[in-house]
Protein backbone atom coordinates (compact mmCIF):
# COMPACT_ATOMS: atom_id res chain seq x y z
CA UNK A 1 103.19 101.53 126.86
CA UNK A 2 100.33 101.19 124.42
CA UNK A 3 97.82 104.03 124.29
CA UNK A 4 94.84 101.85 125.24
CA UNK A 5 96.64 100.51 128.32
CA UNK A 6 97.70 104.04 129.28
CA UNK A 7 94.15 105.29 128.84
CA UNK A 8 92.64 102.60 131.03
CA UNK A 9 95.26 103.04 133.75
CA UNK A 10 94.72 106.80 133.68
CA UNK A 11 90.95 106.38 133.95
CA UNK A 12 91.19 104.01 136.90
CA UNK A 13 93.81 106.08 138.74
CA UNK A 14 92.41 109.60 138.27
CA UNK A 15 89.10 109.30 136.43
CA UNK A 16 87.30 106.95 138.79
CA UNK A 17 88.06 109.04 141.92
CA UNK A 18 86.98 112.25 140.17
CA UNK A 19 83.68 110.72 139.06
CA UNK A 20 83.01 109.21 142.47
CA UNK A 21 83.76 112.41 144.37
CA UNK A 22 82.14 114.96 142.08
CA UNK A 23 79.53 113.07 140.04
CA UNK A 24 78.52 110.20 142.30
CA UNK A 25 74.85 110.03 141.23
CA UNK A 26 75.92 109.81 137.58
CA UNK A 27 78.98 107.53 137.66
CA UNK A 28 76.85 104.45 136.94
CA UNK A 29 74.95 106.23 134.15
CA UNK A 30 77.76 106.79 131.68
CA UNK A 31 80.16 104.76 129.57
CA UNK A 32 83.91 105.21 129.67
CA UNK A 33 86.57 103.97 127.30
CA UNK A 34 88.68 104.91 124.31
CA UNK A 35 87.45 104.45 120.74
CA UNK A 36 87.44 106.32 117.46
CA UNK A 37 90.15 107.72 115.18
CA UNK A 38 93.80 107.27 115.99
CA UNK A 39 96.33 104.49 115.96
CA UNK A 40 96.02 103.89 119.71
CA UNK A 41 92.34 102.99 119.35
CA UNK A 42 93.32 100.20 116.95
CA UNK A 43 96.27 99.15 119.09
CA UNK A 44 98.75 100.06 116.34
CA UNK A 45 100.44 103.02 118.05
CA UNK A 46 104.20 103.22 118.50
CA UNK A 47 106.77 105.88 119.37
CA UNK A 48 106.05 107.68 116.09
CA UNK A 49 102.38 108.00 117.11
CA UNK A 50 103.16 110.03 120.20
CA UNK A 51 103.70 113.39 118.47
CA UNK A 52 99.97 114.19 118.33
CA UNK A 53 96.60 112.92 119.63
CA UNK A 54 98.28 110.46 121.96
CA UNK A 55 98.67 110.46 125.71
CA UNK A 56 96.75 110.04 128.96
CA UNK A 57 93.10 110.55 128.08
CA UNK A 58 89.77 108.74 127.83
CA UNK A 59 86.21 109.26 126.61
CA UNK A 60 83.04 109.68 128.67
CA UNK A 61 79.85 108.96 126.75
CA UNK A 62 76.56 110.26 128.12
CA UNK A 63 72.91 109.97 127.21
CA UNK A 64 71.38 113.11 125.74
CA UNK A 65 69.52 113.77 128.99
CA UNK A 66 72.57 113.41 131.22
CA UNK A 67 74.65 115.51 128.84
CA UNK A 68 72.16 118.34 129.26
CA UNK A 69 72.38 117.94 133.04
CA UNK A 70 76.13 117.59 133.61
CA UNK A 71 77.91 117.65 130.25
CA UNK A 72 79.61 121.04 130.60
CA UNK A 73 80.49 120.54 134.28
CA UNK A 74 81.87 117.08 133.58
CA UNK A 75 84.00 118.38 130.71
CA UNK A 76 85.46 121.09 132.95
CA UNK A 77 86.26 118.50 135.60
CA UNK A 78 87.82 116.24 132.98
CA UNK A 79 90.07 119.07 131.77
CA UNK A 80 91.26 119.60 135.35
CA UNK A 81 92.73 116.09 135.50
CA UNK A 82 96.54 115.94 135.42
CA UNK A 83 98.00 116.20 131.94
CA UNK A 84 100.98 113.99 132.74
CA UNK A 85 100.56 110.41 133.95
CA UNK A 86 103.22 107.74 134.49
CA UNK A 87 105.71 109.88 132.60
CA UNK A 88 103.51 110.31 129.51
CA UNK A 89 101.84 113.46 128.28
CA UNK A 90 100.59 116.01 127.99
CA UNK A 91 98.40 114.99 125.09
CA UNK A 92 98.72 117.34 122.11
CA UNK A 93 95.47 117.48 120.16
CA UNK A 94 95.56 118.28 116.48
CA UNK A 95 93.56 121.41 115.58
CA UNK A 96 89.90 120.47 115.37
CA UNK A 97 90.46 117.02 116.86
CA UNK A 98 89.90 117.87 120.51
CA UNK A 99 86.59 115.98 120.40
CA UNK A 100 88.38 112.62 120.23
CA UNK A 101 88.56 112.44 124.04
CA UNK A 102 86.59 113.89 126.92
CA UNK A 103 82.83 114.20 127.29
CA UNK A 104 80.52 113.33 124.41
CA UNK A 105 76.94 112.24 123.81
CA UNK A 106 76.67 108.60 122.82
CA UNK A 107 74.29 109.67 120.05
CA UNK A 108 76.79 112.25 118.72
CA UNK A 109 79.64 109.75 118.69
CA UNK A 110 77.82 107.24 116.51
CA UNK A 111 76.08 109.88 114.39
CA UNK A 112 79.50 111.28 113.48
CA UNK A 113 80.48 107.96 111.90
CA UNK A 114 77.17 106.55 110.68
CA UNK A 115 74.99 109.60 110.06
CA UNK A 116 72.22 107.91 112.05
CA UNK A 117 70.68 108.29 115.50
CA UNK A 118 70.24 104.50 115.78
CA UNK A 119 72.00 101.44 114.38
CA UNK A 120 71.45 100.99 110.62
CA UNK A 121 68.61 98.71 109.63
CA UNK A 122 67.75 99.11 105.94
CA UNK A 123 70.15 97.98 103.20
CA UNK A 124 70.54 101.53 101.89
CA UNK A 125 71.45 102.80 105.35
CA UNK A 126 74.27 100.29 105.58
CA UNK A 127 75.50 101.10 102.08
CA UNK A 128 75.81 104.80 102.85
CA UNK A 129 78.24 104.25 105.74
CA UNK A 130 81.93 104.07 104.70
CA UNK A 131 83.41 100.80 105.91
CA UNK A 132 86.36 102.55 107.55
CA UNK A 133 83.86 104.55 109.65
CA UNK A 134 82.38 101.30 110.94
CA UNK A 135 85.88 100.11 111.84
CA UNK A 136 86.59 103.39 113.60
CA UNK A 137 83.53 103.46 115.82
CA UNK A 138 83.84 99.81 116.87
CA UNK A 139 87.54 99.76 117.77
CA UNK A 140 89.22 100.49 121.08
CA UNK A 141 87.98 99.30 124.45
CA UNK A 142 85.12 100.08 126.80
CA UNK A 143 86.33 100.33 130.39
CA UNK A 144 82.93 100.75 132.02
CA UNK A 145 79.34 100.87 130.75
CA UNK A 146 76.78 100.15 133.49
CA UNK A 147 73.76 101.41 131.48
CA UNK A 148 74.88 99.47 128.39
CA UNK A 149 73.63 101.96 125.76
CA UNK A 150 77.04 102.52 124.20
CA UNK A 151 77.78 98.79 124.21
CA UNK A 152 74.45 97.97 122.56
CA UNK A 153 75.26 100.38 119.73
CA UNK A 154 78.65 98.76 119.22
CA UNK A 155 77.28 95.23 119.34
CA UNK A 156 74.69 96.08 116.70
CA UNK A 157 77.46 97.29 114.38
CA UNK A 158 79.88 94.50 115.24
CA UNK A 159 77.25 91.99 114.13
CA UNK A 160 78.56 93.04 110.71
CA UNK A 161 76.99 93.89 107.38
CA UNK A 162 73.80 92.12 106.34
CA UNK A 163 74.86 89.07 104.34
CA UNK A 164 73.57 90.46 101.05
CA UNK A 165 75.88 93.46 101.38
CA UNK A 166 78.81 91.24 102.27
CA UNK A 167 78.15 89.14 99.15
CA UNK A 168 77.85 92.24 96.97
CA UNK A 169 81.16 93.58 98.22
CA UNK A 170 82.87 90.20 97.81
CA UNK A 171 81.65 89.84 94.23
CA UNK A 172 82.82 93.36 93.36
CA UNK A 173 86.26 92.78 94.86
CA UNK A 174 86.63 89.52 92.95
CA UNK A 175 86.27 91.55 89.75
CA UNK A 176 88.79 94.25 90.66
CA UNK A 177 91.35 91.80 92.04
CA UNK A 178 91.20 89.81 88.81
CA UNK A 179 91.33 92.92 86.62
CA UNK A 180 94.27 94.59 88.34
CA UNK A 181 96.53 91.72 89.34
CA UNK A 182 95.61 88.72 87.26
CA UNK A 183 94.99 90.52 83.99
CA UNK A 184 96.17 94.12 83.67
CA UNK A 185 99.41 94.07 85.66
CA UNK A 186 101.52 92.10 83.21
CA UNK A 187 99.89 93.79 80.22
CA UNK A 188 100.93 97.15 81.69
CA UNK A 189 104.47 95.87 82.26
CA UNK A 190 104.75 94.71 78.65
CA UNK A 191 103.62 98.14 77.44
CA UNK A 192 106.07 99.94 79.71
CA UNK A 193 103.22 101.68 81.51
CA UNK A 194 104.91 102.21 84.86
CA UNK A 195 102.03 104.09 86.47
CA UNK A 196 99.45 101.54 85.39
CA UNK A 197 101.60 98.61 86.52
CA UNK A 198 102.34 100.21 89.90
CA UNK A 199 98.70 101.14 90.43
CA UNK A 200 97.67 97.59 89.55
CA UNK A 201 99.93 96.21 92.28
CA UNK A 202 98.71 98.63 94.95
CA UNK A 203 95.06 98.24 93.99
CA UNK A 204 95.42 94.45 93.91
CA UNK A 205 96.94 94.44 97.40
CA UNK A 206 94.31 96.82 98.78
CA UNK A 207 91.39 94.84 97.40
CA UNK A 208 92.85 91.47 98.38
CA UNK A 209 93.21 92.68 101.96
CA UNK A 210 89.69 94.15 101.94
CA UNK A 211 88.36 90.82 100.70
CA UNK A 212 90.08 89.02 103.57
CA UNK A 213 88.33 91.38 106.01
CA UNK A 214 84.97 90.49 104.45
CA UNK A 215 85.77 86.78 104.61
CA UNK A 216 86.46 87.29 108.33
CA UNK A 217 83.32 89.41 108.79
CA UNK A 218 85.41 92.30 110.06
CA UNK A 219 85.45 95.92 108.95
CA UNK A 220 88.51 97.09 107.04
CA UNK A 221 90.10 100.20 108.60
CA UNK A 222 91.56 103.36 107.06
CA UNK A 223 94.14 102.51 104.35
CA UNK A 224 97.02 103.47 106.66
CA UNK A 225 96.32 100.42 108.83
CA UNK A 226 95.07 97.90 106.25
CA UNK A 227 98.25 95.86 105.95
CA UNK A 228 99.03 95.95 109.67
CA UNK A 229 95.47 95.02 110.62
CA UNK A 230 95.05 92.07 108.27
CA UNK A 231 97.84 90.18 110.04
CA UNK A 232 95.66 89.61 113.11
CA UNK A 233 92.67 88.13 111.28
CA UNK A 234 92.16 84.39 111.86
CA UNK A 235 91.19 83.55 108.27
CA UNK A 236 94.11 84.10 105.84
CA UNK A 237 95.40 87.04 107.88
CA UNK A 238 99.05 86.07 108.26
CA UNK A 239 99.18 84.40 104.87
CA UNK A 240 97.99 87.51 103.01
CA UNK A 241 100.01 89.87 105.19
CA UNK A 242 103.24 88.05 104.38
CA UNK A 243 102.55 87.68 100.68
CA UNK A 244 101.56 91.32 100.27
CA UNK A 245 104.83 92.33 101.95
CA UNK A 246 106.75 90.08 99.58
CA UNK A 247 104.88 91.46 96.59
CA UNK A 248 105.76 95.04 97.48
CA UNK A 249 109.38 94.27 98.33
CA UNK A 250 110.32 92.78 94.96
CA UNK A 251 110.84 94.64 91.70
CA UNK A 252 110.76 91.47 89.61
CA UNK A 253 107.58 91.56 87.53
CA UNK A 254 107.41 87.80 87.05
CA UNK A 255 107.89 87.23 90.80
CA UNK A 256 105.14 89.76 91.46
CA UNK A 257 102.79 87.95 89.12
CA UNK A 258 103.57 84.64 90.84
CA UNK A 259 102.75 86.13 94.24
CA UNK A 260 99.51 87.63 92.96
CA UNK A 261 98.52 84.24 91.58
CA UNK A 262 99.40 82.64 94.92
CA UNK A 263 97.19 85.16 96.72
CA UNK A 264 94.39 84.55 94.24
CA UNK A 265 94.59 80.80 94.84
CA UNK A 266 94.26 81.35 98.60
CA UNK A 267 91.27 83.64 98.11
CA UNK A 268 89.51 81.31 95.68
CA UNK A 269 90.03 78.36 98.04
CA UNK A 270 88.51 80.32 100.92
CA UNK A 271 85.54 81.36 98.78
CA UNK A 272 84.91 77.69 98.09
CA UNK A 273 85.44 76.75 101.74
CA UNK A 274 82.76 79.26 102.77
CA UNK A 275 80.39 77.87 100.15
CA UNK A 276 80.32 81.11 98.17
CA UNK A 277 81.42 79.44 94.95
CA UNK A 278 81.92 75.92 93.68
CA UNK A 279 83.80 76.73 90.51
CA UNK A 280 87.34 75.42 90.01
CA UNK A 281 90.30 77.64 89.23
CA UNK A 282 91.72 80.81 90.74
CA UNK A 283 90.75 83.50 88.20
CA UNK A 284 88.54 85.47 90.56
CA UNK A 285 86.53 87.16 87.82
CA UNK A 286 84.95 83.77 87.07
CA UNK A 287 83.75 83.45 90.68
CA UNK A 288 82.12 86.88 90.93
CA UNK A 289 78.81 85.98 89.19
CA UNK A 290 78.27 82.88 91.33
CA UNK A 291 78.84 84.86 94.53
CA UNK A 292 76.57 87.60 93.22
CA UNK A 293 73.74 85.17 92.46
CA UNK A 294 73.53 84.28 96.15
CA UNK A 295 72.25 87.79 96.96
CA UNK A 296 68.60 87.59 98.00
CA UNK A 297 67.67 91.28 97.76
CA UNK A 298 66.41 91.88 94.21
CA UNK A 299 67.70 95.45 94.01
CA UNK A 300 71.21 94.48 95.10
CA UNK A 301 71.21 91.58 92.68
CA UNK A 302 70.19 93.67 89.66
CA UNK A 303 73.67 94.47 88.44
CA UNK A 304 77.15 93.14 89.11
CA UNK A 305 79.78 95.89 89.04
CA UNK A 306 83.26 96.40 90.35
């Protein structure tokens, strides 16, 4: 069973009755679900995931006011719920990670990942938030949210980066993809620089995947899940997932270069399809300035860097 399915079943079987019996006046004033760090929140958990921070559990998100009123009592009641459910559990929390499930303020949850007490608005606020944090606080599933506060926060973030930031990130990735895979990889091979060549391959794959996330207007997760997550994206997801796997599986340098060129062709074609560039060719460094020139904000457009 997947962790998200287990969490929802556990909530409906034991969480709902507890809330109804002991916190009736508040059960329609809180949000319940599972989101945040952990493979199960992304839907990528497997048997290996079950050794820590996995098992029957869910999150209860409260307003600041309701947390002051019932937060401690609700947490005690939550901890009294059975630790084993449908043959799974008990959940073993990593030291310091107990906060992942149980009772939490909505404001604390999002502040942990964004540093803000409201959704980001200004360009600089968006730029300060690590992209993997945005992926982490918008994953998972909300089982119930009658007041809608938690959902409104998520929807504001899921609307994605302002377009100027997306363009800035795309232009920067075009530079690094070209530098690592299309230019420096084979030069490193010819020099016998094993570290440089290997780094070029890994960096090329990482940045190509991150670019696909931007082209899909989706946040790229923690590096551990990048390759697994890209497969599910509608735009170039399966194509890039398969080619990256092939690139990492072969030791043939010329085959690797061919695959990197193939990936670059796919990326350049998609840039043109989205109207971000009209230049021919697949050397992505050439496309970066044209993408960058589409940025409206004068401060963001000042300098193009990788």
